[in-house]
Amino acid sequence: MEKTKETWFQKIENMHPYQTLMYLGMFGSGLIFLFMTLAFLGTEPGNMDAVGFKMPKSFILSTLIILISGYTVSNMLLHYKEEKIKKLKDSLLTTFFLGLCFTVLQFLGWKELTMMGIDFRGLPSGSFLYVLSGIHIFHLGGAMIFSILMIYKYNKIEKDEIQHLLMLTNPYERMRIQLFTTYWHFMDMIWIVLFLIFVLRF
């Protein structure tokens, strides 16, 4: 007997509620970034050279940092499959600190823009640099808060062998790690696209 092919709607129906919420949230966030980016591209770039615009070094460095964080977050699921909770926690902790470094560098990038004379009261295209990077930090901040909760949980599990075993056999825990990894990669991709647009625009 032939299996009937699942429709797109049926696939959504069969998802765990947390998966559905996260994917819907990512879709909504993607639309926000899309419309904001289109609005940014629709503004006149103005004479950015006249104000001595150069891509902030902090933005360049933060891009490298978030690329590295994409690698560290990818290791989480691998360590979970290998049943290495300590390595899983270490990868999560490293990812969190890289996210923190990224956030600090973004604020330093804003400071560099201000020193160039680019602020909310100046060129509209310059203002969008703050808005788009600020929205991105806000979204990444949600993932960082969630990572703190996960680190706290893994610290407790490490000290309890029964909890340790339960976690490794819990499909829900695997799903949580997968969702966190997917969301973090999504945020990586959003920033890389924004950064490339900034570079090409100016």
C-alpha atoms as a PDB file:
ATOM      1  CA  MET A   1       0.000   0.000   0.000  1.00  0.00           C
ATOM      2  CA  GLU A   2       1.422   3.342  -1.054  1.00  0.00           C
ATOM      3  CA  LYS A   3       2.060   5.977   1.579  1.00  0.00           C
ATOM      4  CA  THR A   4       0.268   9.250   0.966  1.00  0.00           C
ATOM      5  CA  LYS A   5       2.604  12.187   0.775  1.00  0.00           C
ATOM      6  CA  GLU A   6       2.317  14.589   3.705  1.00  0.00           C
ATOM      7  CA  THR A   7       1.173  18.048   2.737  1.00  0.00           C
ATOM      8  CA  TRP A   8       2.956  21.168   3.985  1.00  0.00           C
ATOM      9  CA  PHE A   9      -0.002  21.921   6.296  1.00  0.00           C
ATOM     10  CA  GLN A  10       0.023  18.377   7.730  1.00  0.00           C
ATOM     11  CA  LYS A  11       3.753  18.677   8.473  1.00  0.00           C
ATOM     12  CA  ILE A  12       3.050  21.829  10.488  1.00  0.00           C
ATOM     13  CA  GLU A  13       0.184  20.110  12.318  1.00  0.00           C
ATOM     14  CA  ASN A  14       2.489  17.222  13.301  1.00  0.00           C
ATOM     15  CA  MET A  15       5.140  19.520  14.755  1.00  0.00           C
ATOM     16  CA  HIS A  16       5.617  19.958  18.491  1.00  0.00           C
ATOM     17  CA  PRO A  17       3.976  23.245  19.648  1.00  0.00           C
ATOM     18  CA  TYR A  18       7.404  24.665  20.575  1.00  0.00           C
ATOM     19  CA  GLN A  19       8.687  23.928  17.076  1.00  0.00           C
ATOM     20  CA  THR A  20       5.659  25.604  15.526  1.00  0.00           C
ATOM     21  CA  LEU A  21       6.043  28.676  17.740  1.00  0.00           C
ATOM     22  CA  MET A  22       9.743  29.009  16.993  1.00  0.00           C
ATOM     23  CA  TYR A  23       9.359  28.633  13.237  1.00  0.00           C
ATOM     24  CA  LEU A  24       6.484  31.106  13.215  1.00  0.00           C
ATOM     25  CA  GLY A  25       8.612  33.476  15.304  1.00  0.00           C
ATOM     26  CA  MET A  26      11.516  33.111  12.872  1.00  0.00           C
ATOM     27  CA  PHE A  27       9.156  33.754   9.961  1.00  0.00           C
ATOM     28  CA  GLY A  28       7.829  36.900  11.670  1.00  0.00           C
ATOM     29  CA  SER A  29      11.349  38.098  12.495  1.00  0.00           C
ATOM     30  CA  GLY A  30      12.435  37.416   8.925  1.00  0.00           C
ATOM     31  CA  LEU A  31       9.605  39.619   7.647  1.00  0.00           C
ATOM     32  CA  ILE A  32      10.587  42.432  10.023  1.00  0.00           C
ATOM     33  CA  PHE A  33      14.188  42.313   8.802  1.00  0.00           C
ATOM     34  CA  LEU A  34      13.034  42.090   5.172  1.00  0.00           C
ATOM     35  CA  PHE A  35      10.772  45.154   5.378  1.00  0.00           C
ATOM     36  CA  MET A  36      13.337  47.151   7.375  1.00  0.00           C
ATOM     37  CA  THR A  37      16.077  46.252   4.888  1.00  0.00           C
ATOM     38  CA  LEU A  38      13.873  47.247   1.934  1.00  0.00           C
ATOM     39  CA  ALA A  39      13.143  50.562   3.672  1.00  0.00           C
ATOM     40  CA  PHE A  40      16.899  51.015   4.234  1.00  0.00           C
ATOM     41  CA  LEU A  41      17.649  50.293   0.563  1.00  0.00           C
ATOM     42  CA  GLY A  42      14.892  52.710  -0.425  1.00  0.00           C
ATOM     43  CA  THR A  43      16.533  55.653   1.367  1.00  0.00           C
ATOM     44  CA  GLU A  44      19.038  57.917  -0.315  1.00  0.00           C
ATOM     45  CA  PRO A  45      22.521  56.919   0.830  1.00  0.00           C
ATOM     46  CA  GLY A  46      23.546  60.562   0.890  1.00  0.00           C
ATOM     47  CA  ASN A  47      27.161  61.595   0.842  1.00  0.00           C
ATOM     48  CA  MET A  48      28.495  59.197   3.493  1.00  0.00           C
ATOM     49  CA  ASP A  49      32.044  59.839   2.283  1.00  0.00           C
ATOM     50  CA  ALA A  50      31.638  63.505   3.204  1.00  0.00           C
ATOM     51  CA  VAL A  51      31.180  62.566   6.869  1.00  0.00           C
ATOM     52  CA  GLY A  52      34.193  60.253   6.671  1.00  0.00           C
ATOM     53  CA  PHE A  53      32.210  57.021   6.813  1.00  0.00           C
ATOM     54  CA  LYS A  54      34.152  53.795   7.125  1.00  0.00           C
ATOM     55  CA  MET A  55      32.675  50.460   8.099  1.00  0.00           C
ATOM     56  CA  PRO A  56      33.226  50.287  11.888  1.00  0.00           C
ATOM     57  CA  LYS A  57      36.046  47.892  12.763  1.00  0.00           C
ATOM     58  CA  SER A  58      33.867  46.591  15.585  1.00  0.00           C
ATOM     59  CA  PHE A  59      31.229  45.515  13.043  1.00  0.00           C
ATOM     60  CA  ILE A  60      33.882  43.629  11.042  1.00  0.00           C
ATOM     61  CA  LEU A  61      35.242  41.927  14.158  1.00  0.00           C
ATOM     62  CA  SER A  62      31.736  41.077  15.419  1.00  0.00           C
ATOM     63  CA  THR A  63      31.024  39.374  12.071  1.00  0.00           C
ATOM     64  CA  LEU A  64      34.033  37.087  12.584  1.00  0.00           C
ATOM     65  CA  ILE A  65      32.883  36.400  16.159  1.00  0.00           C
ATOM     66  CA  ILE A  66      29.385  35.378  15.110  1.00  0.00           C
ATOM     67  CA  LEU A  67      30.791  33.093  12.399  1.00  0.00           C
ATOM     68  CA  ILE A  68      32.860  31.306  15.066  1.00  0.00           C
ATOM     69  CA  SER A  69      29.771  31.048  17.291  1.00  0.00           C
ATOM     70  CA  GLY A  70      28.008  29.275  14.418  1.00  0.00           C
ATOM     71  CA  TYR A  71      30.667  26.571  14.634  1.00  0.00           C
ATOM     72  CA  THR A  72      30.520  26.223  18.430  1.00  0.00           C
ATOM     73  CA  VAL A  73      26.720  25.986  18.484  1.00  0.00           C
ATOM     74  CA  SER A  74      26.855  23.275  15.795  1.00  0.00           C
ATOM     75  CA  ASN A  75      28.897  21.088  18.157  1.00  0.00           C
ATOM     76  CA  MET A  76      26.108  20.959  20.742  1.00  0.00           C
ATOM     77  CA  LEU A  77      23.979  18.341  19.013  1.00  0.00           C
ATOM     78  CA  LEU A  78      27.085  16.289  18.211  1.00  0.00           C
ATOM     79  CA  HIS A  79      28.088  16.211  21.901  1.00  0.00           C
ATOM     80  CA  TYR A  80      24.512  15.317  22.884  1.00  0.00           C
ATOM     81  CA  LYS A  81      24.560  12.339  20.502  1.00  0.00           C
ATOM     82  CA  GLU A  82      27.926  11.291  21.943  1.00  0.00           C
ATOM     83  CA  GLU A  83      26.423  11.564  25.464  1.00  0.00           C
ATOM     84  CA  LYS A  84      29.080  14.049  26.545  1.00  0.00           C
ATOM     85  CA  ILE A  85      27.155  16.486  28.726  1.00  0.00           C
ATOM     86  CA  LYS A  86      30.236  18.402  29.891  1.00  0.00           C
ATOM     87  CA  LYS A  87      31.317  19.070  26.302  1.00  0.00           C
ATOM     88  CA  LEU A  88      27.742  20.015  25.438  1.00  0.00           C
ATOM     89  CA  LYS A  89      27.685  22.516  28.293  1.00  0.00           C
ATOM     90  CA  ASP A  90      31.127  23.875  27.317  1.00  0.00           C
ATOM     91  CA  SER A  91      29.997  24.421  23.711  1.00  0.00           C
ATOM     92  CA  LEU A  92      26.892  26.215  24.965  1.00  0.00           C
ATOM     93  CA  LEU A  93      28.952  28.334  27.367  1.00  0.00           C
ATOM     94  CA  THR A  94      31.416  29.252  24.591  1.00  0.00           C
ATOM     95  CA  THR A  95      28.522  30.173  22.292  1.00  0.00           C
ATOM     96  CA  PHE A  96      27.017  32.373  25.009  1.00  0.00           C
ATOM     97  CA  PHE A  97      30.301  34.244  25.590  1.00  0.00           C
ATOM     98  CA  LEU A  98      30.809  34.711  21.848  1.00  0.00           C
ATOM     99  CA  GLY A  99      27.267  36.131  21.688  1.00  0.00           C
ATOM    100  CA  LEU A 100      28.168  38.464  24.550  1.00  0.00           C
ATOM    101  CA  CYS A 101      31.352  39.585  22.741  1.00  0.00           C
ATOM    102  CA  PHE A 102      29.298  40.151  19.594  1.00  0.00           C
ATOM    103  CA  THR A 103      26.839  42.356  21.512  1.00  0.00           C
ATOM    104  CA  VAL A 104      29.620  44.421  23.127  1.00  0.00           C
ATOM    105  CA  LEU A 105      31.274  44.906  19.723  1.00  0.00           C
ATOM    106  CA  GLN A 106      27.962  46.086  18.259  1.00  0.00           C
ATOM    107  CA  PHE A 107      27.738  48.801  20.922  1.00  0.00           C
ATOM    108  CA  LEU A 108      31.355  49.757  20.191  1.00  0.00           C
ATOM    109  CA  GLY A 109      30.388  49.908  16.504  1.00  0.00           C
ATOM    110  CA  TRP A 110      27.647  52.385  17.371  1.00  0.00           C
ATOM    111  CA  LYS A 111      30.231  54.451  19.247  1.00  0.00           C
ATOM    112  CA  GLU A 112      32.452  54.457  16.156  1.00  0.00           C
ATOM    113  CA  LEU A 113      29.493  55.625  14.040  1.00  0.00           C
ATOM    114  CA  THR A 114      28.762  58.442  16.514  1.00  0.00           C
ATOM    115  CA  MET A 115      32.411  59.559  16.373  1.00  0.00           C
ATOM    116  CA  MET A 116      32.056  59.765  12.560  1.00  0.00           C
ATOM    117  CA  GLY A 117      29.066  62.053  13.056  1.00  0.00           C
ATOM    118  CA  ILE A 118      26.498  59.442  12.011  1.00  0.00           C
ATOM    119  CA  ASP A 119      23.529  59.329  14.359  1.00  0.00           C
ATOM    120  CA  PHE A 120      19.699  59.255  14.366  1.00  0.00           C
ATOM    121  CA  ARG A 121      19.524  62.957  13.593  1.00  0.00           C
ATOM    122  CA  GLY A 122      21.723  62.702  10.501  1.00  0.00           C
ATOM    123  CA  LEU A 123      21.396  60.824   7.244  1.00  0.00           C
ATOM    124  CA  PRO A 124      18.409  58.413   7.155  1.00  0.00           C
ATOM    125  CA  SER A 125      20.584  55.600   5.747  1.00  0.00           C
ATOM    126  CA  GLY A 126      22.989  56.110   8.666  1.00  0.00           C
ATOM    127  CA  SER A 127      20.123  55.848  11.149  1.00  0.00           C
ATOM    128  CA  PHE A 128      19.160  52.481   9.679  1.00  0.00           C
ATOM    129  CA  LEU A 129      22.580  51.119  10.659  1.00  0.00           C
ATOM    130  CA  TYR A 130      21.568  51.607  14.294  1.00  0.00           C
ATOM    131  CA  VAL A 131      18.010  50.338  13.836  1.00  0.00           C
ATOM    132  CA  LEU A 132      18.830  47.130  11.944  1.00  0.00           C
ATOM    133  CA  SER A 133      21.787  46.177  14.150  1.00  0.00           C
ATOM    134  CA  GLY A 134      19.718  47.057  17.256  1.00  0.00           C
ATOM    135  CA  ILE A 135      16.812  44.798  16.227  1.00  0.00           C
ATOM    136  CA  HIS A 136      19.300  42.014  15.575  1.00  0.00           C
ATOM    137  CA  ILE A 137      20.851  42.398  19.054  1.00  0.00           C
ATOM    138  CA  PHE A 138      17.370  42.267  20.583  1.00  0.00           C
ATOM    139  CA  HIS A 139      16.610  38.954  18.836  1.00  0.00           C
ATOM    140  CA  LEU A 140      20.010  37.465  19.684  1.00  0.00           C
ATOM    141  CA  GLY A 141      19.523  38.559  23.303  1.00  0.00           C
ATOM    142  CA  GLY A 142      16.518  36.229  23.577  1.00  0.00           C
ATOM    143  CA  ALA A 143      18.686  33.270  22.547  1.00  0.00           C
ATOM    144  CA  MET A 144      21.382  34.295  25.036  1.00  0.00           C
ATOM    145  CA  ILE A 145      18.883  34.400  27.926  1.00  0.00           C
ATOM    146  CA  PHE A 146      17.667  30.934  26.936  1.00  0.00           C
ATOM    147  CA  SER A 147      21.284  29.690  26.847  1.00  0.00           C
ATOM    148  CA  ILE A 148      21.806  30.869  30.455  1.00  0.00           C
ATOM    149  CA  LEU A 149      18.790  28.804  31.550  1.00  0.00           C
ATOM    150  CA  MET A 150      20.167  25.780  29.697  1.00  0.00           C
ATOM    151  CA  ILE A 151      23.633  26.178  31.275  1.00  0.00           C
ATOM    152  CA  TYR A 152      22.055  26.339  34.738  1.00  0.00           C
ATOM    153  CA  LYS A 153      20.084  23.174  33.993  1.00  0.00           C
ATOM    154  CA  TYR A 154      23.136  21.288  32.677  1.00  0.00           C
ATOM    155  CA  ASN A 155      25.133  22.246  35.778  1.00  0.00           C
ATOM    156  CA  LYS A 156      22.503  20.551  37.944  1.00  0.00           C
ATOM    157  CA  ILE A 157      22.236  17.503  35.672  1.00  0.00           C
ATOM    158  CA  GLU A 158      26.014  16.955  35.722  1.00  0.00           C
ATOM    159  CA  LYS A 159      25.859  16.296  39.481  1.00  0.00           C
ATOM    160  CA  ASP A 160      22.961  13.824  39.282  1.00  0.00           C
ATOM    161  CA  GLU A 161      23.531  10.535  37.433  1.00  0.00           C
ATOM    162  CA  ILE A 162      19.813   9.716  37.183  1.00  0.00           C
ATOM    163  CA  GLN A 163      18.962  13.138  35.734  1.00  0.00           C
ATOM    164  CA  HIS A 164      21.947  12.733  33.429  1.00  0.00           C
ATOM    165  CA  LEU A 165      20.559   9.475  32.055  1.00  0.00           C
ATOM    166  CA  LEU A 166      17.026  10.838  31.757  1.00  0.00           C
ATOM    167  CA  MET A 167      18.258  13.809  29.780  1.00  0.00           C
ATOM    168  CA  LEU A 168      20.162  11.626  27.289  1.00  0.00           C
ATOM    169  CA  THR A 169      17.053   9.528  26.627  1.00  0.00           C
ATOM    170  CA  ASN A 170      14.645  12.460  26.477  1.00  0.00           C
ATOM    171  CA  PRO A 171      13.607  13.336  22.876  1.00  0.00           C
ATOM    172  CA  TYR A 172      12.296  16.687  24.147  1.00  0.00           C
ATOM    173  CA  GLU A 173      15.817  17.686  25.251  1.00  0.00           C
ATOM    174  CA  ARG A 174      17.217  16.795  21.850  1.00  0.00           C
ATOM    175  CA  MET A 175      14.485  18.919  20.258  1.00  0.00           C
ATOM    176  CA  ARG A 176      15.376  21.879  22.515  1.00  0.00           C
ATOM    177  CA  ILE A 177      19.002  21.698  21.442  1.00  0.00           C
ATOM    178  CA  GLN A 178      17.997  21.443  17.777  1.00  0.00           C
ATOM    179  CA  LEU A 179      15.670  24.446  18.074  1.00  0.00           C
ATOM    180  CA  PHE A 180      18.317  26.521  19.864  1.00  0.00           C
ATOM    181  CA  THR A 181      20.913  25.615  17.220  1.00  0.00           C
ATOM    182  CA  THR A 182      18.534  26.426  14.355  1.00  0.00           C
ATOM    183  CA  TYR A 183      17.591  29.800  15.864  1.00  0.00           C
ATOM    184  CA  TRP A 184      21.237  30.727  16.503  1.00  0.00           C
ATOM    185  CA  HIS A 185      22.179  29.868  12.894  1.00  0.00           C
ATOM    186  CA  PHE A 186      19.211  31.950  11.737  1.00  0.00           C
ATOM    187  CA  MET A 187      20.535  34.941  13.704  1.00  0.00           C
ATOM    188  CA  ASP A 188      24.035  34.327  12.261  1.00  0.00           C
ATOM    189  CA  MET A 189      22.635  34.351   8.744  1.00  0.00           C
ATOM    190  CA  ILE A 190      20.586  37.524   9.360  1.00  0.00           C
ATOM    191  CA  TRP A 191      23.648  39.452  10.565  1.00  0.00           C
ATOM    192  CA  ILE A 192      25.877  38.243   7.707  1.00  0.00           C
ATOM    193  CA  VAL A 193      23.243  39.324   5.159  1.00  0.00           C
ATOM    194  CA  LEU A 194      22.876  42.727   6.887  1.00  0.00           C
ATOM    195  CA  PHE A 195      26.637  43.206   7.047  1.00  0.00           C
ATOM    196  CA  LEU A 196      27.047  42.409   3.341  1.00  0.00           C
ATOM    197  CA  ILE A 197      24.231  44.853   2.503  1.00  0.00           C
ATOM    198  CA  PHE A 198      25.933  47.552   4.603  1.00  0.00           C
ATOM    199  CA  VAL A 199      29.246  46.939   2.803  1.00  0.00           C
ATOM    200  CA  LEU A 200      27.682  46.978  -0.676  1.00  0.00           C
ATOM    201  CA  ARG A 201      25.453  49.958   0.134  1.00  0.00           C
ATOM    202  CA  PHE A 202      28.274  52.218   1.279  1.00  0.00           C
END
